Amino acid sequence: KSGRAVEAAGDIDVLLLDKTGTITVGDRQ
């Protein structure tokens, strides 16, 4: 939505990710 967001992505220090669907495949086996 803005060039500021693209630029900020290059300076990221911390990345938060959901477990399900991101780190794991999402479906437990």
mmCIF file of all heavy atoms, coordinates in Angstrom:
data_MODEL
# 
_entry.id   MODEL 
# 
loop_
_atom_site.group_PDB 
_atom_site.id 
_atom_site.type_symbol 
_atom_site.label_atom_id 
_atom_site.label_alt_id 
_atom_site.label_comp_id 
_atom_site.label_asym_id 
_atom_site.label_entity_id 
_atom_site.label_seq_id 
_atom_site.pdbx_PDB_ins_code 
_atom_site.Cartn_x 
_atom_site.Cartn_y 
_atom_site.Cartn_z 
_atom_site.occupancy 
_atom_site.B_iso_or_equiv 
_atom_site.pdbx_formal_charge 
_atom_site.auth_seq_id 
_atom_site.auth_comp_id 
_atom_site.auth_asym_id 
_atom_site.auth_atom_id 
_atom_site.pdbx_PDB_model_num 
ATOM 1   N N   . LYS A 1 1  ? 0.812  -1.211  0.000  1.00 0.00 ? 1  LYS A N   1 
ATOM 2   C CA  . LYS A 1 1  ? 0.000  0.000   0.000  1.00 0.00 ? 1  LYS A CA  1 
ATOM 3   C C   . LYS A 1 1  ? 0.849  1.267   0.000  1.00 0.00 ? 1  LYS A C   1 
ATOM 4   O O   . LYS A 1 1  ? 0.335  2.358   -0.196 1.00 0.00 ? 1  LYS A O   1 
ATOM 5   C CB  . LYS A 1 1  ? -0.938 -0.004  1.206  1.00 0.00 ? 1  LYS A CB  1 
ATOM 6   C CG  . LYS A 1 1  ? -1.935 -1.163  1.177  1.00 0.00 ? 1  LYS A CG  1 
ATOM 7   C CD  . LYS A 1 1  ? -2.831 -1.148  2.396  1.00 0.00 ? 1  LYS A CD  1 
ATOM 8   C CE  . LYS A 1 1  ? -3.779 -2.333  2.374  1.00 0.00 ? 1  LYS A CE  1 
ATOM 9   N NZ  . LYS A 1 1  ? -4.638 -2.378  3.578  1.00 0.00 ? 1  LYS A NZ  1 
ATOM 10  N N   . SER A 1 2  ? 2.154  1.111   0.223  1.00 0.00 ? 2  SER A N   1 
ATOM 11  C CA  . SER A 1 2  ? 3.036  2.278   0.196  1.00 0.00 ? 2  SER A CA  1 
ATOM 12  C C   . SER A 1 2  ? 4.472  1.817   -0.011 1.00 0.00 ? 2  SER A C   1 
ATOM 13  O O   . SER A 1 2  ? 4.831  0.683   0.316  1.00 0.00 ? 2  SER A O   1 
ATOM 14  C CB  . SER A 1 2  ? 2.946  3.068   1.512  1.00 0.00 ? 2  SER A CB  1 
ATOM 15  O OG  . SER A 1 2  ? 3.532  2.346   2.579  1.00 0.00 ? 2  SER A OG  1 
ATOM 16  N N   . GLY A 1 3  ? 5.293  2.727   -0.564 1.00 0.00 ? 3  GLY A N   1 
ATOM 17  C CA  . GLY A 1 3  ? 6.717  2.429   -0.701 1.00 0.00 ? 3  GLY A CA  1 
ATOM 18  C C   . GLY A 1 3  ? 7.391  2.315   0.651  1.00 0.00 ? 3  GLY A C   1 
ATOM 19  O O   . GLY A 1 3  ? 8.395  1.617   0.812  1.00 0.00 ? 3  GLY A O   1 
ATOM 20  N N   . ARG A 1 4  ? 6.846  3.007   1.655  1.00 0.00 ? 4  ARG A N   1 
ATOM 21  C CA  . ARG A 1 4  ? 7.409  2.937   3.011  1.00 0.00 ? 4  ARG A CA  1 
ATOM 22  C C   . ARG A 1 4  ? 7.409  1.499   3.521  1.00 0.00 ? 4  ARG A C   1 
ATOM 23  O O   . ARG A 1 4  ? 8.357  1.056   4.177  1.00 0.00 ? 4  ARG A O   1 
ATOM 24  C CB  . ARG A 1 4  ? 6.597  3.830   3.942  1.00 0.00 ? 4  ARG A CB  1 
ATOM 25  C CG  . ARG A 1 4  ? 7.128  3.896   5.372  1.00 0.00 ? 4  ARG A CG  1 
ATOM 26  C CD  . ARG A 1 4  ? 6.144  4.638   6.258  1.00 0.00 ? 4  ARG A CD  1 
ATOM 27  N NE  . ARG A 1 4  ? 6.013  6.028   5.855  1.00 0.00 ? 4  ARG A NE  1 
ATOM 28  C CZ  . ARG A 1 4  ? 6.734  7.014   6.382  1.00 0.00 ? 4  ARG A CZ  1 
ATOM 29  N NH1 . ARG A 1 4  ? 7.625  6.755   7.316  1.00 0.00 ? 4  ARG A NH1 1 
ATOM 30  N NH2 . ARG A 1 4  ? 6.555  8.250   5.976  1.00 0.00 ? 4  ARG A NH2 1 
ATOM 31  N N   . ALA A 1 5  ? 6.337  0.745   3.209  1.00 0.00 ? 5  ALA A N   1 
ATOM 32  C CA  . ALA A 1 5  ? 6.248  -0.639  3.672  1.00 0.00 ? 5  ALA A CA  1 
ATOM 33  C C   . ALA A 1 5  ? 7.325  -1.502  3.028  1.00 0.00 ? 5  ALA A C   1 
ATOM 34  O O   . ALA A 1 5  ? 7.944  -2.348  3.684  1.00 0.00 ? 5  ALA A O   1 
ATOM 35  C CB  . ALA A 1 5  ? 4.865  -1.207  3.357  1.00 0.00 ? 5  ALA A CB  1 
ATOM 36  N N   . VAL A 1 6  ? 7.580  -1.292  1.726  1.00 0.00 ? 6  VAL A N   1 
ATOM 37  C CA  . VAL A 1 6  ? 8.618  -2.059  1.033  1.00 0.00 ? 6  VAL A CA  1 
ATOM 38  C C   . VAL A 1 6  ? 9.977  -1.769  1.646  1.00 0.00 ? 6  VAL A C   1 
ATOM 39  O O   . VAL A 1 6  ? 10.783 -2.671  1.886  1.00 0.00 ? 6  VAL A O   1 
ATOM 40  C CB  . VAL A 1 6  ? 8.637  -1.721  -0.471 1.00 0.00 ? 6  VAL A CB  1 
ATOM 41  C CG1 . VAL A 1 6  ? 9.645  -2.595  -1.206 1.00 0.00 ? 6  VAL A CG1 1 
ATOM 42  C CG2 . VAL A 1 6  ? 7.257  -1.903  -1.076 1.00 0.00 ? 6  VAL A CG2 1 
ATOM 43  N N   . GLU A 1 7  ? 10.226 -0.498  1.892  1.00 0.00 ? 7  GLU A N   1 
ATOM 44  C CA  . GLU A 1 7  ? 11.512 -0.103  2.449  1.00 0.00 ? 7  GLU A CA  1 
ATOM 45  C C   . GLU A 1 7  ? 11.683 -0.635  3.870  1.00 0.00 ? 7  GLU A C   1 
ATOM 46  O O   . GLU A 1 7  ? 12.756 -1.104  4.250  1.00 0.00 ? 7  GLU A O   1 
ATOM 47  C CB  . GLU A 1 7  ? 11.611 1.419   2.451  1.00 0.00 ? 7  GLU A CB  1 
ATOM 48  C CG  . GLU A 1 7  ? 13.043 1.925   2.386  1.00 0.00 ? 7  GLU A CG  1 
ATOM 49  C CD  . GLU A 1 7  ? 13.058 3.391   2.003  1.00 0.00 ? 7  GLU A CD  1 
ATOM 50  O OE1 . GLU A 1 7  ? 12.792 4.223   2.881  1.00 0.00 ? 7  GLU A OE1 1 
ATOM 51  O OE2 . GLU A 1 7  ? 13.332 3.692   0.836  1.00 0.00 ? 7  GLU A OE2 1 
ATOM 52  N N   . ALA A 1 8  ? 10.588 -0.579  4.660  1.00 0.00 ? 8  ALA A N   1 
ATOM 53  C CA  . ALA A 1 8  ? 10.656 -1.075  6.032  1.00 0.00 ? 8  ALA A CA  1 
ATOM 54  C C   . ALA A 1 8  ? 10.963 -2.564  6.056  1.00 0.00 ? 8  ALA A C   1 
ATOM 55  O O   . ALA A 1 8  ? 11.648 -3.049  6.968  1.00 0.00 ? 8  ALA A O   1 
ATOM 56  C CB  . ALA A 1 8  ? 9.340  -0.796  6.752  1.00 0.00 ? 8  ALA A CB  1 
ATOM 57  N N   . ALA A 1 9  ? 10.479 -3.300  5.042  1.00 0.00 ? 9  ALA A N   1 
ATOM 58  C CA  . ALA A 1 9  ? 10.740 -4.738  4.983  1.00 0.00 ? 9  ALA A CA  1 
ATOM 59  C C   . ALA A 1 9  ? 12.237 -5.030  4.914  1.00 0.00 ? 9  ALA A C   1 
ATOM 60  O O   . ALA A 1 9  ? 12.697 -6.063  5.399  1.00 0.00 ? 9  ALA A O   1 
ATOM 61  C CB  . ALA A 1 9  ? 10.033 -5.360  3.782  1.00 0.00 ? 9  ALA A CB  1 
ATOM 62  N N   . GLY A 1 10 ? 12.987 -4.120  4.329  1.00 0.00 ? 10 GLY A N   1 
ATOM 63  C CA  . GLY A 1 10 ? 14.432 -4.318  4.230  1.00 0.00 ? 10 GLY A CA  1 
ATOM 64  C C   . GLY A 1 10 ? 15.177 -4.072  5.524  1.00 0.00 ? 10 GLY A C   1 
ATOM 65  O O   . GLY A 1 10 ? 16.346 -4.437  5.644  1.00 0.00 ? 10 GLY A O   1 
ATOM 66  N N   . ASP A 1 11 ? 14.501 -3.448  6.501  1.00 0.00 ? 11 ASP A N   1 
ATOM 67  C CA  . ASP A 1 11 ? 15.154 -3.138  7.780  1.00 0.00 ? 11 ASP A CA  1 
ATOM 68  C C   . ASP A 1 11 ? 14.586 -3.930  8.942  1.00 0.00 ? 11 ASP A C   1 
ATOM 69  O O   . ASP A 1 11 ? 14.820 -3.604  10.106 1.00 0.00 ? 11 ASP A O   1 
ATOM 70  C CB  . ASP A 1 11 ? 15.007 -1.637  8.086  1.00 0.00 ? 11 ASP A CB  1 
ATOM 71  C CG  . ASP A 1 11 ? 15.939 -0.778  7.238  1.00 0.00 ? 11 ASP A CG  1 
ATOM 72  O OD1 . ASP A 1 11 ? 17.027 -1.285  6.894  1.00 0.00 ? 11 ASP A OD1 1 
ATOM 73  O OD2 . ASP A 1 11 ? 15.587 0.361   6.922  1.00 0.00 ? 11 ASP A OD2 1 
ATOM 74  N N   . ILE A 1 12 ? 13.820 -4.986  8.648  1.00 0.00 ? 12 ILE A N   1 
ATOM 75  C CA  . ILE A 1 12 ? 13.141 -5.745  9.695  1.00 0.00 ? 12 ILE A CA  1 
ATOM 76  C C   . ILE A 1 12 ? 14.152 -6.400  10.642 1.00 0.00 ? 12 ILE A C   1 
ATOM 77  O O   . ILE A 1 12 ? 15.163 -6.953  10.219 1.00 0.00 ? 12 ILE A O   1 
ATOM 78  C CB  . ILE A 1 12 ? 12.226 -6.815  9.051  1.00 0.00 ? 12 ILE A CB  1 
ATOM 79  C CG1 . ILE A 1 12 ? 11.008 -6.156  8.437  1.00 0.00 ? 12 ILE A CG1 1 
ATOM 80  C CG2 . ILE A 1 12 ? 11.800 -7.859  10.059 1.00 0.00 ? 12 ILE A CG2 1 
ATOM 81  C CD1 . ILE A 1 12 ? 10.177 -5.374  9.403  1.00 0.00 ? 12 ILE A CD1 1 
ATOM 82  N N   . ASP A 1 13 ? 13.847 -6.334  11.939 1.00 0.00 ? 13 ASP A N   1 
ATOM 83  C CA  . ASP A 1 13 ? 14.677 -6.976  12.959 1.00 0.00 ? 13 ASP A CA  1 
ATOM 84  C C   . ASP A 1 13 ? 14.027 -8.235  13.519 1.00 0.00 ? 13 ASP A C   1 
ATOM 85  O O   . ASP A 1 13 ? 14.711 -9.172  13.920 1.00 0.00 ? 13 ASP A O   1 
ATOM 86  C CB  . ASP A 1 13 ? 14.932 -6.004  14.118 1.00 0.00 ? 13 ASP A CB  1 
ATOM 87  C CG  . ASP A 1 13 ? 15.612 -4.731  13.679 1.00 0.00 ? 13 ASP A CG  1 
ATOM 88  O OD1 . ASP A 1 13 ? 16.750 -4.825  13.186 1.00 0.00 ? 13 ASP A OD1 1 
ATOM 89  O OD2 . ASP A 1 13 ? 15.023 -3.649  13.819 1.00 0.00 ? 13 ASP A OD2 1 
ATOM 90  N N   . VAL A 1 14 ? 12.690 -8.227  13.609 1.00 0.00 ? 14 VAL A N   1 
ATOM 91  C CA  . VAL A 1 14 ? 11.949 -9.341  14.206 1.00 0.00 ? 14 VAL A CA  1 
ATOM 92  C C   . VAL A 1 14 ? 10.840 -9.764  13.259 1.00 0.00 ? 14 VAL A C   1 
ATOM 93  O O   . VAL A 1 14 ? 10.118 -8.926  12.724 1.00 0.00 ? 14 VAL A O   1 
ATOM 94  C CB  . VAL A 1 14 ? 11.341 -8.945  15.572 1.00 0.00 ? 14 VAL A CB  1 
ATOM 95  C CG1 . VAL A 1 14 ? 10.614 -10.135 16.193 1.00 0.00 ? 14 VAL A CG1 1 
ATOM 96  C CG2 . VAL A 1 14 ? 12.416 -8.438  16.517 1.00 0.00 ? 14 VAL A CG2 1 
ATOM 97  N N   . LEU A 1 15 ? 10.711 -11.070 13.056 1.00 0.00 ? 15 LEU A N   1 
ATOM 98  C CA  . LEU A 1 15 ? 9.700  -11.613 12.161 1.00 0.00 ? 15 LEU A CA  1 
ATOM 99  C C   . LEU A 1 15 ? 8.795  -12.550 12.954 1.00 0.00 ? 15 LEU A C   1 
ATOM 100 O O   . LEU A 1 15 ? 9.256  -13.538 13.533 1.00 0.00 ? 15 LEU A O   1 
ATOM 101 C CB  . LEU A 1 15 ? 10.385 -12.375 11.021 1.00 0.00 ? 15 LEU A CB  1 
ATOM 102 C CG  . LEU A 1 15 ? 9.512  -12.959 9.924  1.00 0.00 ? 15 LEU A CG  1 
ATOM 103 C CD1 . LEU A 1 15 ? 8.688  -11.873 9.255  1.00 0.00 ? 15 LEU A CD1 1 
ATOM 104 C CD2 . LEU A 1 15 ? 10.369 -13.673 8.896  1.00 0.00 ? 15 LEU A CD2 1 
ATOM 105 N N   . LEU A 1 16 ? 7.484  -12.224 13.014 1.00 0.00 ? 16 LEU A N   1 
ATOM 106 C CA  . LEU A 1 16 ? 6.509  -13.058 13.713 1.00 0.00 ? 16 LEU A CA  1 
ATOM 107 C C   . LEU A 1 16 ? 5.756  -13.904 12.693 1.00 0.00 ? 16 LEU A C   1 
ATOM 108 O O   . LEU A 1 16 ? 5.233  -13.371 11.711 1.00 0.00 ? 16 LEU A O   1 
ATOM 109 C CB  . LEU A 1 16 ? 5.513  -12.192 14.488 1.00 0.00 ? 16 LEU A CB  1 
ATOM 110 C CG  . LEU A 1 16 ? 6.084  -11.132 15.433 1.00 0.00 ? 16 LEU A CG  1 
ATOM 111 C CD1 . LEU A 1 16 ? 4.955  -10.432 16.173 1.00 0.00 ? 16 LEU A CD1 1 
ATOM 112 C CD2 . LEU A 1 16 ? 7.059  -11.736 16.409 1.00 0.00 ? 16 LEU A CD2 1 
ATOM 113 N N   . LEU A 1 17 ? 5.695  -15.215 12.925 1.00 0.00 ? 17 LEU A N   1 
ATOM 114 C CA  . LEU A 1 17 ? 5.004  -16.110 12.001 1.00 0.00 ? 17 LEU A CA  1 
ATOM 115 C C   . LEU A 1 17 ? 4.085  -17.043 12.766 1.00 0.00 ? 17 LEU A C   1 
ATOM 116 O O   . LEU A 1 17 ? 4.459  -17.589 13.812 1.00 0.00 ? 17 LEU A O   1 
ATOM 117 C CB  . LEU A 1 17 ? 6.002  -16.958 11.209 1.00 0.00 ? 17 LEU A CB  1 
ATOM 118 C CG  . LEU A 1 17 ? 7.047  -16.217 10.389 1.00 0.00 ? 17 LEU A CG  1 
ATOM 119 C CD1 . LEU A 1 17 ? 8.398  -16.292 11.080 1.00 0.00 ? 17 LEU A CD1 1 
ATOM 120 C CD2 . LEU A 1 17 ? 7.158  -16.793 8.988  1.00 0.00 ? 17 LEU A CD2 1 
ATOM 121 N N   . ASP A 1 18 ? 2.854  -17.213 12.254 1.00 0.00 ? 18 ASP A N   1 
ATOM 122 C CA  . ASP A 1 18 ? 1.951  -18.212 12.817 1.00 0.00 ? 18 ASP A CA  1 
ATOM 123 C C   . ASP A 1 18 ? 2.534  -19.599 12.587 1.00 0.00 ? 18 ASP A C   1 
ATOM 124 O O   . ASP A 1 18 ? 3.155  -19.853 11.558 1.00 0.00 ? 18 ASP A O   1 
ATOM 125 C CB  . ASP A 1 18 ? 0.575  -18.118 12.160 1.00 0.00 ? 18 ASP A CB  1 
ATOM 126 C CG  . ASP A 1 18 ? -0.249 -16.982 12.741 1.00 0.00 ? 18 ASP A CG  1 
ATOM 127 O OD1 . ASP A 1 18 ? -0.032 -16.640 13.916 1.00 0.00 ? 18 ASP A OD1 1 
ATOM 128 O OD2 . ASP A 1 18 ? -1.091 -16.434 12.017 1.00 0.00 ? 18 ASP A OD2 1 
ATOM 129 N N   . LYS A 1 19 ? 2.280  -20.490 13.556 1.00 0.00 ? 19 LYS A N   1 
ATOM 130 C CA  . LYS A 1 19 ? 2.783  -21.851 13.404 1.00 0.00 ? 19 LYS A CA  1 
ATOM 131 C C   . LYS A 1 19 ? 2.030  -22.597 12.306 1.00 0.00 ? 19 LYS A C   1 
ATOM 132 O O   . LYS A 1 19 ? 2.617  -23.065 11.333 1.00 0.00 ? 19 LYS A O   1 
ATOM 133 C CB  . LYS A 1 19 ? 2.642  -22.614 14.721 1.00 0.00 ? 19 LYS A CB  1 
ATOM 134 C CG  . LYS A 1 19 ? 3.185  -24.044 14.670 1.00 0.00 ? 19 LYS A CG  1 
ATOM 135 C CD  . LYS A 1 19 ? 2.575  -24.930 15.739 1.00 0.00 ? 19 LYS A CD  1 
ATOM 136 C CE  . LYS A 1 19 ? 1.150  -25.293 15.389 1.00 0.00 ? 19 LYS A CE  1 
ATOM 137 N NZ  . LYS A 1 19 ? 0.547  -26.263 16.310 1.00 0.00 ? 19 LYS A NZ  1 
ATOM 138 N N   . THR A 1 20 ? 0.712  -22.672 12.448 1.00 0.00 ? 20 THR A N   1 
ATOM 139 C CA  . THR A 1 20 ? -0.094 -23.486 11.545 1.00 0.00 ? 20 THR A CA  1 
ATOM 140 C C   . THR A 1 20 ? -0.171 -22.856 10.160 1.00 0.00 ? 20 THR A C   1 
ATOM 141 O O   . THR A 1 20 ? -0.556 -21.705 10.009 1.00 0.00 ? 20 THR A O   1 
ATOM 142 C CB  . THR A 1 20 ? -1.513 -23.669 12.111 1.00 0.00 ? 20 THR A CB  1 
ATOM 143 O OG1 . THR A 1 20 ? -1.420 -24.215 13.422 1.00 0.00 ? 20 THR A OG1 1 
ATOM 144 C CG2 . THR A 1 20 ? -2.326 -24.606 11.227 1.00 0.00 ? 20 THR A CG2 1 
ATOM 145 N N   . GLY A 1 21 ? 0.229  -23.629 9.171  1.00 0.00 ? 21 GLY A N   1 
ATOM 146 C CA  . GLY A 1 21 ? 0.166  -23.157 7.794  1.00 0.00 ? 21 GLY A CA  1 
ATOM 147 C C   . GLY A 1 21 ? 1.389  -22.383 7.353  1.00 0.00 ? 21 GLY A C   1 
ATOM 148 O O   . GLY A 1 21 ? 1.572  -22.158 6.162  1.00 0.00 ? 21 GLY A O   1 
ATOM 149 N N   . THR A 1 22 ? 2.198  -21.962 8.303  1.00 0.00 ? 22 THR A N   1 
ATOM 150 C CA  . THR A 1 22 ? 3.399  -21.203 7.957  1.00 0.00 ? 22 THR A CA  1 
ATOM 151 C C   . THR A 1 22 ? 4.643  -22.024 8.251  1.00 0.00 ? 22 THR A C   1 
ATOM 152 O O   . THR A 1 22 ? 5.448  -22.304 7.372  1.00 0.00 ? 22 THR A O   1 
ATOM 153 C CB  . THR A 1 22 ? 3.450  -19.881 8.746  1.00 0.00 ? 22 THR A CB  1 
ATOM 154 O OG1 . THR A 1 22 ? 2.255  -19.155 8.519  1.00 0.00 ? 22 THR A OG1 1 
ATOM 155 C CG2 . THR A 1 22 ? 4.648  -19.050 8.330  1.00 0.00 ? 22 THR A CG2 1 
ATOM 156 N N   . ILE A 1 23 ? 4.764  -22.433 9.507  1.00 0.00 ? 23 ILE A N   1 
ATOM 157 C CA  . ILE A 1 23 ? 5.903  -23.249 9.911  1.00 0.00 ? 23 ILE A CA  1 
ATOM 158 C C   . ILE A 1 23 ? 5.584  -24.729 9.726  1.00 0.00 ? 23 ILE A C   1 
ATOM 159 O O   . ILE A 1 23 ? 6.427  -25.513 9.290  1.00 0.00 ? 23 ILE A O   1 
ATOM 160 C CB  . ILE A 1 23 ? 6.286  -22.939 11.366 1.00 0.00 ? 23 ILE A CB  1 
ATOM 161 C CG1 . ILE A 1 23 ? 6.800  -21.490 11.455 1.00 0.00 ? 23 ILE A CG1 1 
ATOM 162 C CG2 . ILE A 1 23 ? 7.331  -23.912 11.887 1.00 0.00 ? 23 ILE A CG2 1 
ATOM 163 C CD1 . ILE A 1 23 ? 7.054  -21.017 12.868 1.00 0.00 ? 23 ILE A CD1 1 
ATOM 164 N N   . THR A 1 24 ? 4.350  -25.106 10.030 1.00 0.00 ? 24 THR A N   1 
ATOM 165 C CA  . THR A 1 24 ? 3.910  -26.487 9.801  1.00 0.00 ? 24 THR A CA  1 
ATOM 166 C C   . THR A 1 24 ? 3.001  -26.528 8.576  1.00 0.00 ? 24 THR A C   1 
ATOM 167 O O   . THR A 1 24 ? 2.517  -25.495 8.117  1.00 0.00 ? 24 THR A O   1 
ATOM 168 C CB  . THR A 1 24 ? 3.158  -27.036 11.028 1.00 0.00 ? 24 THR A CB  1 
ATOM 169 O OG1 . THR A 1 24 ? 1.950  -26.284 11.201 1.00 0.00 ? 24 THR A OG1 1 
ATOM 170 C CG2 . THR A 1 24 ? 4.018  -26.910 12.274 1.00 0.00 ? 24 THR A CG2 1 
ATOM 171 N N   . VAL A 1 25 ? 2.748  -27.730 8.072  1.00 0.00 ? 25 VAL A N   1 
ATOM 172 C CA  . VAL A 1 25 ? 1.936  -27.856 6.868  1.00 0.00 ? 25 VAL A CA  1 
ATOM 173 C C   . VAL A 1 25 ? 0.479  -27.512 7.121  1.00 0.00 ? 25 VAL A C   1 
ATOM 174 O O   . VAL A 1 25 ? -0.291 -27.306 6.192  1.00 0.00 ? 25 VAL A O   1 
ATOM 175 C CB  . VAL A 1 25 ? 2.030  -29.284 6.279  1.00 0.00 ? 25 VAL A CB  1 
ATOM 176 C CG1 . VAL A 1 25 ? 3.425  -29.586 5.798  1.00 0.00 ? 25 VAL A CG1 1 
ATOM 177 C CG2 . VAL A 1 25 ? 1.558  -30.317 7.290  1.00 0.00 ? 25 VAL A CG2 1 
ATOM 178 N N   . GLY A 1 26 ? 0.086  -27.447 8.386  1.00 0.00 ? 26 GLY A N   1 
ATOM 179 C CA  . GLY A 1 26 ? -1.266 -27.012 8.718  1.00 0.00 ? 26 GLY A CA  1 
ATOM 180 C C   . GLY A 1 26 ? -2.182 -28.141 9.132  1.00 0.00 ? 26 GLY A C   1 
ATOM 181 O O   . GLY A 1 26 ? -3.081 -27.955 9.947  1.00 0.00 ? 26 GLY A O   1 
ATOM 182 N N   . ASP A 1 27 ? -1.993 -29.335 8.605  1.00 0.00 ? 27 ASP A N   1 
ATOM 183 C CA  . ASP A 1 27 ? -2.836 -30.477 8.952  1.00 0.00 ? 27 ASP A CA  1 
ATOM 184 C C   . ASP A 1 27 ? -2.023 -31.458 9.783  1.00 0.00 ? 27 ASP A C   1 
ATOM 185 O O   . ASP A 1 27 ? -1.006 -31.983 9.325  1.00 0.00 ? 27 ASP A O   1 
ATOM 186 C CB  . ASP A 1 27 ? -3.350 -31.182 7.689  1.00 0.00 ? 27 ASP A CB  1 
ATOM 187 C CG  . ASP A 1 27 ? -4.233 -30.279 6.850  1.00 0.00 ? 27 ASP A CG  1 
ATOM 188 O OD1 . ASP A 1 27 ? -4.914 -29.436 7.443  1.00 0.00 ? 27 ASP A OD1 1 
ATOM 189 O OD2 . ASP A 1 27 ? -4.226 -30.429 5.611  1.00 0.00 ? 27 ASP A OD2 1 
ATOM 190 N N   . ARG A 1 28 ? -2.484 -31.719 11.003 1.00 0.00 ? 28 ARG A N   1 
ATOM 191 C CA  . ARG A 1 28 ? -1.781 -32.681 11.857 1.00 0.00 ? 28 ARG A CA  1 
ATOM 192 C C   . ARG A 1 28 ? -2.010 -34.098 11.341 1.00 0.00 ? 28 ARG A C   1 
ATOM 193 O O   . ARG A 1 28 ? -3.081 -34.413 10.822 1.00 0.00 ? 28 ARG A O   1 
ATOM 194 C CB  . ARG A 1 28 ? -2.268 -32.549 13.303 1.00 0.00 ? 28 ARG A CB  1 
ATOM 195 C CG  . ARG A 1 28 ? -1.944 -31.213 13.935 1.00 0.00 ? 28 ARG A CG  1 
ATOM 196 C CD  . ARG A 1 28 ? -2.628 -31.042 15.268 1.00 0.00 ? 28 ARG A CD  1 
ATOM 197 N NE  . ARG A 1 28 ? -4.088 -31.113 15.126 1.00 0.00 ? 28 ARG A NE  1 
ATOM 198 C CZ  . ARG A 1 28 ? -4.935 -31.069 16.142 1.00 0.00 ? 28 ARG A CZ  1 
ATOM 199 N NH1 . ARG A 1 28 ? -4.479 -30.970 17.372 1.00 0.00 ? 28 ARG A NH1 1 
ATOM 200 N NH2 . ARG A 1 28 ? -6.239 -31.134 15.935 1.00 0.00 ? 28 ARG A NH2 1 
ATOM 201 N N   . GLN A 1 29 ? -1.002 -34.924 11.478 1.00 0.00 ? 29 GLN A N   1 
ATOM 202 C CA  . GLN A 1 29 ? -1.055 -36.292 10.971 1.00 0.00 ? 29 GLN A CA  1 
ATOM 203 C C   . GLN A 1 29 ? -0.875 -37.282 12.126 1.00 0.00 ? 29 GLN A C   1 
ATOM 204 O O   . GLN A 1 29 ? -0.008 -37.102 12.983 1.00 0.00 ? 29 GLN A O   1 
ATOM 205 C CB  . GLN A 1 29 ? 0.052  -36.531 9.945  1.00 0.00 ? 29 GLN A CB  1 
ATOM 206 C CG  . GLN A 1 29 ? 0.013  -35.576 8.761  1.00 0.00 ? 29 GLN A CG  1 
ATOM 207 C CD  . GLN A 1 29 ? -1.184 -35.825 7.868  1.00 0.00 ? 29 GLN A CD  1 
ATOM 208 O OE1 . GLN A 1 29 ? -1.452 -36.958 7.458  1.00 0.00 ? 29 GLN A OE1 1 
ATOM 209 N NE2 . GLN A 1 29 ? -1.927 -34.762 7.570  1.00 0.00 ? 29 GLN A NE2 1 
# 
